[in-house]
Amino acid sequence: MAGINVKAARRWYWQRITAMAMALFVVIHIIVMVYAIRGGLSGAEVLARTRGNVLWAGFYGAFVVLVSVHASIGVRNVLVEWARLRDGAAALLSNLLSLALLVMGLRAVWAVTLGGAA
């Protein structure tokens, strides 16, 4: 396997896997939104239905994890290929972005499903 960068191959793999999974999550999210809008639900009614719902928390929590991993890999590639950052600097910045997306996303999921105001 001379010439193959194993770490780059793993990132490529995870980028594609997360993209496929996110596509399914996006379709489900859009179906739910259309259902809610066509049903005439208000924002308050939507929150009333999601409050305390562990299934929605799990669904959107998984979605947040997928997005944070996917975005981190994509941004890292852009930083290396276009911005010409060194690999270590690009990895650090993309990991910081991933952490920020993860924290903000999970905080939003908590606020809408399991907790109170975030």
C-alpha atoms as a PDB file:
ATOM      1  CA  MET A   1       0.000   0.000   0.000  1.00  0.00           C
ATOM      2  CA  ALA A   2       2.849   2.343  -0.818  1.00  0.00           C
ATOM      3  CA  GLY A   3       1.780   5.915  -1.422  1.00  0.00           C
ATOM      4  CA  ILE A   4      -1.543   5.661   0.394  1.00  0.00           C
ATOM      5  CA  ASN A   5      -2.009   8.037   3.286  1.00  0.00           C
ATOM      6  CA  VAL A   6      -4.070   5.968   5.727  1.00  0.00           C
ATOM      7  CA  LYS A   7      -5.208   8.995   7.740  1.00  0.00           C
ATOM      8  CA  ALA A   8      -6.382  10.788   4.601  1.00  0.00           C
ATOM      9  CA  ALA A   9      -8.195   7.648   3.473  1.00  0.00           C
ATOM     10  CA  ARG A  10      -9.972   7.432   6.843  1.00  0.00           C
ATOM     11  CA  ARG A  11     -11.016  11.076   6.603  1.00  0.00           C
ATOM     12  CA  TRP A  12     -12.322  10.468   3.070  1.00  0.00           C
ATOM     13  CA  TYR A  13     -14.291   7.453   4.339  1.00  0.00           C
ATOM     14  CA  TRP A  14     -15.811   9.339   7.290  1.00  0.00           C
ATOM     15  CA  GLN A  15     -16.644  12.319   5.090  1.00  0.00           C
ATOM     16  CA  ARG A  16     -18.677  10.056   2.771  1.00  0.00           C
ATOM     17  CA  ILE A  17     -20.314   8.033   5.562  1.00  0.00           C
ATOM     18  CA  THR A  18     -21.430  11.151   7.428  1.00  0.00           C
ATOM     19  CA  ALA A  19     -22.738  12.670   4.187  1.00  0.00           C
ATOM     20  CA  MET A  20     -24.869   9.598   3.485  1.00  0.00           C
ATOM     21  CA  ALA A  21     -26.239   9.515   7.008  1.00  0.00           C
ATOM     22  CA  MET A  22     -26.925  13.261   7.021  1.00  0.00           C
ATOM     23  CA  ALA A  23     -28.881  12.936   3.778  1.00  0.00           C
ATOM     24  CA  LEU A  24     -31.282  10.568   5.531  1.00  0.00           C
ATOM     25  CA  PHE A  25     -31.529  12.879   8.560  1.00  0.00           C
ATOM     26  CA  VAL A  26     -32.235  15.899   6.318  1.00  0.00           C
ATOM     27  CA  VAL A  27     -35.025  14.057   4.492  1.00  0.00           C
ATOM     28  CA  ILE A  28     -36.649  13.043   7.790  1.00  0.00           C
ATOM     29  CA  HIS A  29     -36.272  16.594   9.138  1.00  0.00           C
ATOM     30  CA  ILE A  30     -37.908  18.095   6.026  1.00  0.00           C
ATOM     31  CA  ILE A  31     -40.790  15.602   6.164  1.00  0.00           C
ATOM     32  CA  VAL A  32     -41.422  16.488   9.815  1.00  0.00           C
ATOM     33  CA  MET A  33     -41.271  20.235   9.056  1.00  0.00           C
ATOM     34  CA  VAL A  34     -43.735  19.920   6.162  1.00  0.00           C
ATOM     35  CA  TYR A  35     -46.044  17.845   8.357  1.00  0.00           C
ATOM     36  CA  ALA A  36     -45.899  20.464  11.132  1.00  0.00           C
ATOM     37  CA  ILE A  37     -46.461  23.398   8.779  1.00  0.00           C
ATOM     38  CA  ARG A  38     -49.308  21.734   6.899  1.00  0.00           C
ATOM     39  CA  GLY A  39     -50.855  20.754  10.209  1.00  0.00           C
ATOM     40  CA  GLY A  40     -50.816  24.412  11.217  1.00  0.00           C
ATOM     41  CA  LEU A  41     -48.673  23.889  14.305  1.00  0.00           C
ATOM     42  CA  SER A  42     -47.294  27.002  15.938  1.00  0.00           C
ATOM     43  CA  GLY A  43     -43.787  27.241  17.327  1.00  0.00           C
ATOM     44  CA  ALA A  44     -45.165  26.842  20.828  1.00  0.00           C
ATOM     45  CA  GLU A  45     -47.053  23.695  19.809  1.00  0.00           C
ATOM     46  CA  VAL A  46     -43.942  22.214  18.218  1.00  0.00           C
ATOM     47  CA  LEU A  47     -41.942  22.895  21.389  1.00  0.00           C
ATOM     48  CA  ALA A  48     -44.722  21.365  23.490  1.00  0.00           C
ATOM     49  CA  ARG A  49     -44.455  18.182  21.424  1.00  0.00           C
ATOM     50  CA  THR A  50     -40.661  17.990  21.572  1.00  0.00           C
ATOM     51  CA  ARG A  51     -40.294  18.860  25.263  1.00  0.00           C
ATOM     52  CA  GLY A  52     -39.258  15.766  27.222  1.00  0.00           C
ATOM     53  CA  ASN A  53     -39.068  13.612  24.102  1.00  0.00           C
ATOM     54  CA  VAL A  54     -35.970  11.420  24.329  1.00  0.00           C
ATOM     55  CA  LEU A  55     -36.429  10.117  20.772  1.00  0.00           C
ATOM     56  CA  TRP A  56     -36.258  13.607  19.256  1.00  0.00           C
ATOM     57  CA  ALA A  57     -33.290  14.406  21.478  1.00  0.00           C
ATOM     58  CA  GLY A  58     -31.517  11.291  20.209  1.00  0.00           C
ATOM     59  CA  PHE A  59     -32.406  12.005  16.579  1.00  0.00           C
ATOM     60  CA  TYR A  60     -31.223  15.604  16.613  1.00  0.00           C
ATOM     61  CA  GLY A  61     -28.283  14.801  18.884  1.00  0.00           C
ATOM     62  CA  ALA A  62     -27.044  12.241  16.354  1.00  0.00           C
ATOM     63  CA  PHE A  63     -27.636  14.785  13.584  1.00  0.00           C
ATOM     64  CA  VAL A  64     -25.463  17.324  15.430  1.00  0.00           C
ATOM     65  CA  VAL A  65     -22.659  14.783  15.860  1.00  0.00           C
ATOM     66  CA  LEU A  66     -22.764  13.896  12.157  1.00  0.00           C
ATOM     67  CA  VAL A  67     -22.649  17.560  11.139  1.00  0.00           C
ATOM     68  CA  SER A  68     -19.750  18.373  13.444  1.00  0.00           C
ATOM     69  CA  VAL A  69     -17.658  15.463  12.131  1.00  0.00           C
ATOM     70  CA  HIS A  70     -18.558  16.123   8.489  1.00  0.00           C
ATOM     71  CA  ALA A  71     -17.903  19.872   8.658  1.00  0.00           C
ATOM     72  CA  SER A  72     -14.617  19.415  10.470  1.00  0.00           C
ATOM     73  CA  ILE A  73     -13.247  17.144   7.758  1.00  0.00           C
ATOM     74  CA  GLY A  74     -14.451  19.399   4.954  1.00  0.00           C
ATOM     75  CA  VAL A  75     -13.062  22.564   6.515  1.00  0.00           C
ATOM     76  CA  ARG A  76      -9.760  20.838   7.213  1.00  0.00           C
ATOM     77  CA  ASN A  77      -9.471  19.901   3.548  1.00  0.00           C
ATOM     78  CA  VAL A  78     -10.263  23.460   2.452  1.00  0.00           C
ATOM     79  CA  LEU A  79      -7.684  24.883   4.864  1.00  0.00           C
ATOM     80  CA  VAL A  80      -4.966  22.539   3.561  1.00  0.00           C
ATOM     81  CA  GLU A  81      -5.800  22.682  -0.152  1.00  0.00           C
ATOM     82  CA  TRP A  82      -6.966  26.272  -0.654  1.00  0.00           C
ATOM     83  CA  ALA A  83      -5.638  28.281   2.274  1.00  0.00           C
ATOM     84  CA  ARG A  84      -2.339  26.347   2.135  1.00  0.00           C
ATOM     85  CA  LEU A  85      -2.202  25.901   5.904  1.00  0.00           C
ATOM     86  CA  ARG A  86       0.052  23.246   7.285  1.00  0.00           C
ATOM     87  CA  ASP A  87      -1.603  19.987   8.221  1.00  0.00           C
ATOM     88  CA  GLY A  88      -1.264  20.537  11.976  1.00  0.00           C
ATOM     89  CA  ALA A  89      -2.703  24.068  11.894  1.00  0.00           C
ATOM     90  CA  ALA A  90      -5.587  22.970   9.667  1.00  0.00           C
ATOM     91  CA  ALA A  91      -6.321  20.045  11.975  1.00  0.00           C
ATOM     92  CA  LEU A  92      -6.338  22.309  15.037  1.00  0.00           C
ATOM     93  CA  LEU A  93      -8.665  24.888  13.480  1.00  0.00           C
ATOM     94  CA  SER A  94     -11.038  22.275  12.078  1.00  0.00           C
ATOM     95  CA  ASN A  95     -11.159  20.457  15.415  1.00  0.00           C
ATOM     96  CA  LEU A  96     -11.990  23.731  17.166  1.00  0.00           C
ATOM     97  CA  LEU A  97     -14.794  24.291  14.661  1.00  0.00           C
ATOM     98  CA  SER A  98     -16.052  20.768  15.249  1.00  0.00           C
ATOM     99  CA  LEU A  99     -16.064  21.308  19.002  1.00  0.00           C
ATOM    100  CA  ALA A 100     -17.918  24.627  18.642  1.00  0.00           C
ATOM    101  CA  LEU A 101     -20.553  23.060  16.365  1.00  0.00           C
ATOM    102  CA  LEU A 102     -20.939  20.124  18.731  1.00  0.00           C
ATOM    103  CA  VAL A 103     -21.368  22.283  21.838  1.00  0.00           C
ATOM    104  CA  MET A 104     -23.783  24.750  20.213  1.00  0.00           C
ATOM    105  CA  GLY A 105     -25.779  22.026  18.498  1.00  0.00           C
ATOM    106  CA  LEU A 106     -26.145  19.823  21.561  1.00  0.00           C
ATOM    107  CA  ARG A 107     -27.052  22.854  23.648  1.00  0.00           C
ATOM    108  CA  ALA A 108     -29.856  23.654  21.177  1.00  0.00           C
ATOM    109  CA  VAL A 109     -31.058  20.034  21.220  1.00  0.00           C
ATOM    110  CA  TRP A 110     -31.085  20.107  25.011  1.00  0.00           C
ATOM    111  CA  ALA A 111     -33.058  23.363  25.078  1.00  0.00           C
ATOM    112  CA  VAL A 112     -35.698  22.143  22.628  1.00  0.00           C
ATOM    113  CA  THR A 113     -36.151  18.622  23.944  1.00  0.00           C
ATOM    114  CA  LEU A 114     -34.929  17.842  27.426  1.00  0.00           C
ATOM    115  CA  GLY A 115     -34.030  21.028  29.228  1.00  0.00           C
ATOM    116  CA  GLY A 116     -35.261  24.507  29.709  1.00  0.00           C
ATOM    117  CA  ALA A 117     -33.749  27.628  28.225  1.00  0.00           C
ATOM    118  CA  ALA A 118     -30.192  27.093  27.043  1.00  0.00           C
END
